[in-house]
Amino acid sequence: MEGIVHELLDRVKENLRRVRDVEEENKSMSTSIQSVEERVIKLEEKQDEDMDEVWEEIDDLLTRVMKIENKISKLKDMLENTPQKDEFDEIKNFVDLLSPIESEFMTESEVKSLIKEELQRGSR
């Protein structure tokens, strides 16, 4: 009987050792799972921060695009009030027509000089 009791005690000790090993493995796995969960939470927080930054940048870009569109609209309005090329050419031709440099007009001193020359020729 003593052999049976001894055998039962050995089996109990072996089973207790196995239970402790399983508990240790469970504890180790639990720690690993907790570590993974913490990492996932940090990654989710980082992702949320990154998304917030992306949305802020999108908002900034939208604001800039709106400002550019407004400026383009103002420039378009300004350009509508500027003379067209043919109008400009017409004004240029008119100025050229009246310009003493490019036309047959004479300055006052040129007229006086011409009169003097003619008077001198006539007196000869």
N, C-alpha and C. Protein backbone atom coordinates (compact mmCIF):
# COMPACT_ATOMS: atom_id res chain seq x y z
N MET A 1 0.82 -1.17 0.00
CA MET A 1 0.00 0.00 0.00
C MET A 1 0.88 1.26 0.00
N GLU A 2 1.94 1.13 0.68
CA GLU A 2 2.86 2.25 0.74
C GLU A 2 3.34 2.59 -0.67
N GLY A 3 3.53 1.66 -1.51
CA GLY A 3 3.95 1.88 -2.89
C GLY A 3 2.90 2.63 -3.68
N ILE A 4 1.62 2.29 -3.39
CA ILE A 4 0.52 2.95 -4.11
C ILE A 4 0.45 4.42 -3.67
N VAL A 5 0.58 4.66 -2.39
CA VAL A 5 0.53 6.03 -1.86
C VAL A 5 1.70 6.82 -2.44
N HIS A 6 2.85 6.19 -2.45
CA HIS A 6 4.03 6.86 -3.00
C HIS A 6 3.82 7.18 -4.49
N GLU A 7 3.28 6.24 -5.21
CA GLU A 7 2.97 6.45 -6.64
C GLU A 7 1.96 7.57 -6.81
N LEU A 8 0.92 7.61 -5.96
CA LEU A 8 -0.08 8.67 -6.04
C LEU A 8 0.55 10.03 -5.72
N LEU A 9 1.41 10.09 -4.73
CA LEU A 9 2.08 11.35 -4.38
C LEU A 9 2.97 11.83 -5.53
N ASP A 10 3.68 10.91 -6.17
CA ASP A 10 4.51 11.29 -7.32
C ASP A 10 3.65 11.85 -8.46
N ARG A 11 2.52 11.19 -8.67
CA ARG A 11 1.62 11.67 -9.74
C ARG A 11 1.05 13.05 -9.39
N VAL A 12 0.68 13.26 -8.12
CA VAL A 12 0.16 14.56 -7.68
C VAL A 12 1.23 15.63 -7.87
N LYS A 13 2.46 15.34 -7.46
CA LYS A 13 3.57 16.29 -7.62
C LYS A 13 3.80 16.62 -9.10
N GLU A 14 3.76 15.58 -9.93
CA GLU A 14 3.94 15.78 -11.37
C GLU A 14 2.81 16.63 -11.94
N ASN A 15 1.60 16.36 -11.50
CA ASN A 15 0.45 17.14 -11.98
C ASN A 15 0.53 18.59 -11.49
N LEU A 16 0.99 18.79 -10.25
CA LEU A 16 1.15 20.15 -9.72
C LEU A 16 2.23 20.91 -10.52
N ARG A 17 3.33 20.21 -10.87
CA ARG A 17 4.38 20.83 -11.66
C ARG A 17 3.83 21.23 -13.04
N ARG A 18 3.03 20.35 -13.61
CA ARG A 18 2.43 20.65 -14.92
C ARG A 18 1.47 21.83 -14.82
N VAL A 19 0.69 21.88 -13.77
CA VAL A 19 -0.23 23.00 -13.57
C VAL A 19 0.55 24.30 -13.43
N ARG A 20 1.67 24.29 -12.67
CA ARG A 20 2.50 25.50 -12.52
C ARG A 20 3.09 25.91 -13.87
N ASP A 21 3.54 24.92 -14.66
CA ASP A 21 4.08 25.22 -16.00
C ASP A 21 3.01 25.86 -16.88
N VAL A 22 1.81 25.31 -16.83
CA VAL A 22 0.71 25.87 -17.62
C VAL A 22 0.37 27.27 -17.14
N GLU A 23 0.37 27.46 -15.81
CA GLU A 23 0.09 28.80 -15.27
C GLU A 23 1.17 29.79 -15.69
N GLU A 24 2.43 29.39 -15.68
CA GLU A 24 3.53 30.26 -16.12
C GLU A 24 3.38 30.60 -17.60
N GLU A 25 3.07 29.59 -18.39
CA GLU A 25 2.88 29.83 -19.82
C GLU A 25 1.69 30.76 -20.06
N ASN A 26 0.63 30.54 -19.29
CA ASN A 26 -0.56 31.39 -19.39
C ASN A 26 -0.21 32.83 -19.01
N LYS A 27 0.56 32.98 -17.95
CA LYS A 27 0.98 34.32 -17.49
C LYS A 27 1.84 34.99 -18.57
N SER A 28 2.75 34.23 -19.15
CA SER A 28 3.61 34.77 -20.20
C SER A 28 2.79 35.18 -21.42
N MET A 29 1.83 34.34 -21.79
CA MET A 29 0.96 34.67 -22.93
C MET A 29 0.10 35.89 -22.62
N SER A 30 -0.37 35.97 -21.40
CA SER A 30 -1.19 37.10 -20.98
C SER A 30 -0.38 38.40 -21.06
N THR A 31 0.86 38.34 -20.62
CA THR A 31 1.74 39.52 -20.70
C THR A 31 1.99 39.91 -22.16
N SER A 32 2.21 38.91 -23.00
CA SER A 32 2.43 39.18 -24.43
C SER A 32 1.18 39.79 -25.06
N ILE A 33 0.03 39.26 -24.73
CA ILE A 33 -1.23 39.78 -25.26
C ILE A 33 -1.44 41.22 -24.79
N GLN A 34 -1.15 41.46 -23.52
CA GLN A 34 -1.29 42.82 -22.98
C GLN A 34 -0.35 43.77 -23.70
N SER A 35 0.88 43.32 -23.94
CA SER A 35 1.85 44.15 -24.65
C SER A 35 1.36 44.45 -26.07
N VAL A 36 0.84 43.44 -26.74
CA VAL A 36 0.31 43.63 -28.10
C VAL A 36 -0.88 44.60 -28.07
N GLU A 37 -1.76 44.44 -27.10
CA GLU A 37 -2.92 45.33 -26.99
C GLU A 37 -2.47 46.78 -26.77
N GLU A 38 -1.47 46.97 -25.92
CA GLU A 38 -0.95 48.33 -25.67
C GLU A 38 -0.36 48.91 -26.95
N ARG A 39 0.36 48.08 -27.67
CA ARG A 39 0.96 48.54 -28.94
C ARG A 39 -0.13 48.91 -29.95
N VAL A 40 -1.17 48.10 -30.01
CA VAL A 40 -2.28 48.39 -30.93
C VAL A 40 -2.95 49.70 -30.54
N ILE A 41 -3.14 49.92 -29.25
CA ILE A 41 -3.76 51.16 -28.78
C ILE A 41 -2.88 52.36 -29.15
N LYS A 42 -1.57 52.23 -28.95
CA LYS A 42 -0.66 53.33 -29.33
C LYS A 42 -0.70 53.59 -30.82
N LEU A 43 -0.73 52.51 -31.61
CA LEU A 43 -0.80 52.67 -33.06
C LEU A 43 -2.10 53.33 -33.49
N GLU A 44 -3.19 52.96 -32.85
CA GLU A 44 -4.48 53.58 -33.17
C GLU A 44 -4.47 55.07 -32.81
N GLU A 45 -3.87 55.40 -31.66
CA GLU A 45 -3.76 56.81 -31.27
C GLU A 45 -2.91 57.58 -32.27
N LYS A 46 -1.80 56.98 -32.69
CA LYS A 46 -0.93 57.62 -33.68
C LYS A 46 -1.68 57.80 -34.99
N GLN A 47 -2.41 56.77 -35.38
CA GLN A 47 -3.18 56.86 -36.62
C GLN A 47 -4.23 57.98 -36.52
N ASP A 48 -4.88 58.09 -35.38
CA ASP A 48 -5.86 59.16 -35.19
C ASP A 48 -5.19 60.54 -35.29
N GLU A 49 -4.01 60.66 -34.67
CA GLU A 49 -3.27 61.93 -34.74
C GLU A 49 -2.89 62.24 -36.19
N ASP A 50 -2.39 61.22 -36.88
CA ASP A 50 -2.00 61.41 -38.28
C ASP A 50 -3.20 61.81 -39.13
N MET A 51 -4.33 61.18 -38.90
CA MET A 51 -5.54 61.52 -39.66
C MET A 51 -5.99 62.94 -39.36
N ASP A 52 -5.86 63.34 -38.11
CA ASP A 52 -6.20 64.72 -37.75
C ASP A 52 -5.31 65.70 -38.51
N GLU A 53 -4.02 65.38 -38.58
CA GLU A 53 -3.09 66.24 -39.31
C GLU A 53 -3.45 66.28 -40.80
N VAL A 54 -3.80 65.12 -41.35
CA VAL A 54 -4.17 65.08 -42.77
C VAL A 54 -5.41 65.94 -43.01
N TRP A 55 -6.39 65.84 -42.15
CA TRP A 55 -7.61 66.65 -42.32
C TRP A 55 -7.30 68.14 -42.17
N GLU A 56 -6.40 68.47 -41.25
CA GLU A 56 -6.02 69.88 -41.11
C GLU A 56 -5.35 70.38 -42.39
N GLU A 57 -4.46 69.55 -42.94
CA GLU A 57 -3.79 69.94 -44.18
C GLU A 57 -4.79 70.06 -45.32
N ILE A 58 -5.76 69.16 -45.38
CA ILE A 58 -6.79 69.25 -46.41
C ILE A 58 -7.59 70.54 -46.24
N ASP A 59 -7.93 70.87 -45.01
CA ASP A 59 -8.65 72.12 -44.75
C ASP A 59 -7.82 73.33 -45.20
N ASP A 60 -6.52 73.30 -44.87
CA ASP A 60 -5.64 74.39 -45.28
C ASP A 60 -5.58 74.50 -46.80
N LEU A 61 -5.46 73.35 -47.46
CA LEU A 61 -5.41 73.36 -48.92
C LEU A 61 -6.72 73.89 -49.52
N LEU A 62 -7.84 73.49 -48.94
CA LEU A 62 -9.13 73.98 -49.43
C LEU A 62 -9.22 75.50 -49.26
N THR A 63 -8.73 75.98 -48.14
CA THR A 63 -8.74 77.43 -47.90
C THR A 63 -7.87 78.14 -48.93
N ARG A 64 -6.69 77.58 -49.19
CA ARG A 64 -5.78 78.18 -50.18
C ARG A 64 -6.40 78.15 -51.57
N VAL A 65 -7.04 77.05 -51.91
CA VAL A 65 -7.68 76.95 -53.23
C VAL A 65 -8.79 78.00 -53.35
N MET A 66 -9.56 78.18 -52.30
CA MET A 66 -10.63 79.19 -52.34
C MET A 66 -10.04 80.59 -52.52
N LYS A 67 -8.94 80.88 -51.82
CA LYS A 67 -8.31 82.19 -51.96
C LYS A 67 -7.80 82.38 -53.39
N ILE A 68 -7.20 81.33 -53.94
CA ILE A 68 -6.70 81.41 -55.32
C ILE A 68 -7.85 81.62 -56.29
N GLU A 69 -8.95 80.91 -56.08
CA GLU A 69 -10.11 81.08 -56.95
C GLU A 69 -10.64 82.51 -56.87
N ASN A 70 -10.66 83.08 -55.67
CA ASN A 70 -11.10 84.47 -55.51
C ASN A 70 -10.17 85.43 -56.26
N LYS A 71 -8.86 85.18 -56.13
CA LYS A 71 -7.90 86.04 -56.82
C LYS A 71 -8.05 85.91 -58.33
N ILE A 72 -8.26 84.70 -58.80
CA ILE A 72 -8.45 84.49 -60.24
C ILE A 72 -9.69 85.23 -60.72
N SER A 73 -10.75 85.16 -59.93
CA SER A 73 -11.98 85.87 -60.29
C SER A 73 -11.74 87.38 -60.35
N LYS A 74 -10.99 87.91 -59.38
CA LYS A 74 -10.68 89.35 -59.38
C LYS A 74 -9.82 89.71 -60.59
N LEU A 75 -8.84 88.87 -60.88
CA LEU A 75 -7.99 89.12 -62.05
C LEU A 75 -8.80 89.08 -63.33
N LYS A 76 -9.72 88.16 -63.41
CA LYS A 76 -10.59 88.05 -64.58
C LYS A 76 -11.41 89.33 -64.74
N ASP A 77 -11.96 89.82 -63.63
CA ASP A 77 -12.72 91.07 -63.67
C ASP A 77 -11.84 92.23 -64.11
N MET A 78 -10.60 92.26 -63.60
CA MET A 78 -9.68 93.33 -63.98
C MET A 78 -9.35 93.25 -65.47
N LEU A 79 -9.15 92.05 -65.95
CA LEU A 79 -8.79 91.87 -67.36
C LEU A 79 -9.94 92.25 -68.29
N GLU A 80 -11.17 92.09 -67.82
CA GLU A 80 -12.31 92.47 -68.65
C GLU A 80 -12.32 93.98 -68.88
N ASN A 81 -11.74 94.74 -67.96
CA ASN A 81 -11.72 96.19 -68.08
C ASN A 81 -10.48 96.72 -68.80
N THR A 82 -9.59 95.85 -69.19
CA THR A 82 -8.41 96.30 -69.92
C THR A 82 -8.69 96.27 -71.42
N PRO A 83 -8.02 97.14 -72.16
CA PRO A 83 -8.27 97.17 -73.60
C PRO A 83 -7.79 95.89 -74.28
N GLN A 84 -8.52 95.51 -75.30
CA GLN A 84 -8.12 94.36 -76.10
C GLN A 84 -6.99 94.79 -77.03
N LYS A 85 -6.33 93.85 -77.65
CA LYS A 85 -5.19 94.15 -78.51
C LYS A 85 -5.58 95.07 -79.66
N ASP A 86 -6.72 94.82 -80.27
CA ASP A 86 -7.12 95.67 -81.39
C ASP A 86 -7.42 97.09 -80.92
N GLU A 87 -7.99 97.23 -79.72
CA GLU A 87 -8.23 98.57 -79.18
C GLU A 87 -6.90 99.26 -78.88
N PHE A 88 -5.98 98.52 -78.33
CA PHE A 88 -4.67 99.07 -78.04
C PHE A 88 -3.96 99.49 -79.33
N ASP A 89 -4.04 98.65 -80.35
CA ASP A 89 -3.42 98.97 -81.64
C ASP A 89 -4.04 100.24 -82.23
N GLU A 90 -5.33 100.40 -82.08
CA GLU A 90 -6.01 101.58 -82.60
C GLU A 90 -5.51 102.85 -81.89
N ILE A 91 -5.39 102.77 -80.59
CA ILE A 91 -4.88 103.92 -79.82
C ILE A 91 -3.43 104.20 -80.20
N LYS A 92 -2.64 103.16 -80.35
CA LYS A 92 -1.24 103.32 -80.73
C LYS A 92 -1.14 104.01 -82.08
N ASN A 93 -1.95 103.58 -83.04
CA ASN A 93 -1.93 104.22 -84.37
C ASN A 93 -2.32 105.69 -84.28
N PHE A 94 -3.29 106.01 -83.45
CA PHE A 94 -3.70 107.40 -83.29
C PHE A 94 -2.57 108.22 -82.68
N VAL A 95 -1.90 107.67 -81.65
CA VAL A 95 -0.79 108.38 -81.02
C VAL A 95 0.35 108.55 -82.02
N ASP A 96 0.61 107.50 -82.80
CA ASP A 96 1.67 107.58 -83.81
C ASP A 96 1.33 108.66 -84.84
N LEU A 97 0.09 108.79 -85.17
CA LEU A 97 -0.34 109.79 -86.15
C LEU A 97 -0.07 111.20 -85.63
N LEU A 98 -0.29 111.39 -84.34
CA LEU A 98 -0.10 112.71 -83.75
C LEU A 98 1.32 112.94 -83.25
N SER A 99 2.14 111.94 -83.22
CA SER A 99 3.49 112.06 -82.70
C SER A 99 4.36 112.84 -83.68
N PRO A 100 5.04 113.90 -83.21
CA PRO A 100 5.89 114.68 -84.10
C PRO A 100 7.13 113.89 -84.55
N ILE A 101 7.49 112.90 -83.82
CA ILE A 101 8.69 112.12 -84.16
C ILE A 101 8.43 111.26 -85.38
N GLU A 102 7.25 110.70 -85.48
CA GLU A 102 6.98 109.76 -86.55
C GLU A 102 6.07 110.34 -87.64
N SER A 103 5.75 111.59 -87.55
CA SER A 103 4.88 112.17 -88.58
C SER A 103 5.60 113.31 -89.28
N GLU A 104 4.91 113.99 -90.15
CA GLU A 104 5.47 115.06 -90.95
C GLU A 104 5.40 116.42 -90.25
N PHE A 105 5.06 116.45 -88.99
CA PHE A 105 4.98 117.71 -88.27
C PHE A 105 6.39 118.24 -88.02
N MET A 106 6.44 119.58 -87.86
CA MET A 106 7.71 120.23 -87.59
C MET A 106 7.61 120.96 -86.26
N THR A 107 8.74 121.04 -85.59
CA THR A 107 8.77 121.80 -84.34
C THR A 107 8.86 123.28 -84.67
N GLU A 108 8.64 124.09 -83.68
CA GLU A 108 8.67 125.54 -83.88
C GLU A 108 10.04 125.99 -84.36
N SER A 109 11.07 125.45 -83.77
CA SER A 109 12.42 125.85 -84.18
C SER A 109 12.71 125.41 -85.61
N GLU A 110 12.19 124.24 -86.01
CA GLU A 110 12.38 123.79 -87.39
C GLU A 110 11.66 124.72 -88.37
N VAL A 111 10.47 125.18 -88.00
CA VAL A 111 9.72 126.11 -88.87
C VAL A 111 10.48 127.42 -89.00
N LYS A 112 10.99 127.94 -87.87
CA LYS A 112 11.74 129.20 -87.91
C LYS A 112 12.98 129.05 -88.79
N SER A 113 13.67 127.91 -88.62
CA SER A 113 14.86 127.67 -89.42
C SER A 113 14.52 127.59 -90.90
N LEU A 114 13.45 126.93 -91.24
CA LEU A 114 13.01 126.79 -92.63
C LEU A 114 12.64 128.15 -93.22
N ILE A 115 11.98 128.98 -92.43
CA ILE A 115 11.60 130.33 -92.88
C ILE A 115 12.86 131.15 -93.15
N LYS A 116 13.83 131.05 -92.25
CA LYS A 116 15.07 131.79 -92.44
C LYS A 116 15.75 131.35 -93.73
N GLU A 117 15.80 130.01 -93.94
CA GLU A 117 16.43 129.49 -95.16
C GLU A 117 15.73 130.00 -96.39
N GLU A 118 14.41 130.00 -96.37
CA GLU A 118 13.63 130.44 -97.54
C GLU A 118 13.82 131.94 -97.77
N LEU A 119 13.89 132.68 -96.71
CA LEU A 119 14.09 134.14 -96.84
C LEU A 119 15.48 134.42 -97.40
N GLN A 120 16.46 133.61 -96.93
CA GLN A 120 17.80 133.80 -97.46
C GLN A 120 17.87 133.40 -98.92
N ARG A 121 17.19 132.39 -99.33
CA ARG A 121 17.17 131.97 -100.75
C ARG A 121 16.46 133.01 -101.58
N GLY A 122 15.39 133.54 -101.03
CA GLY A 122 14.63 134.55 -101.79
C GLY A 122 15.38 135.87 -101.91
N SER A 123 16.23 136.17 -100.98
CA SER A 123 16.96 137.42 -101.06
C SER A 123 18.18 137.31 -101.96
N ARG A 124 18.49 136.20 -102.44
CA ARG A 124 19.65 136.02 -103.32
C ARG A 124 19.34 136.41 -104.67
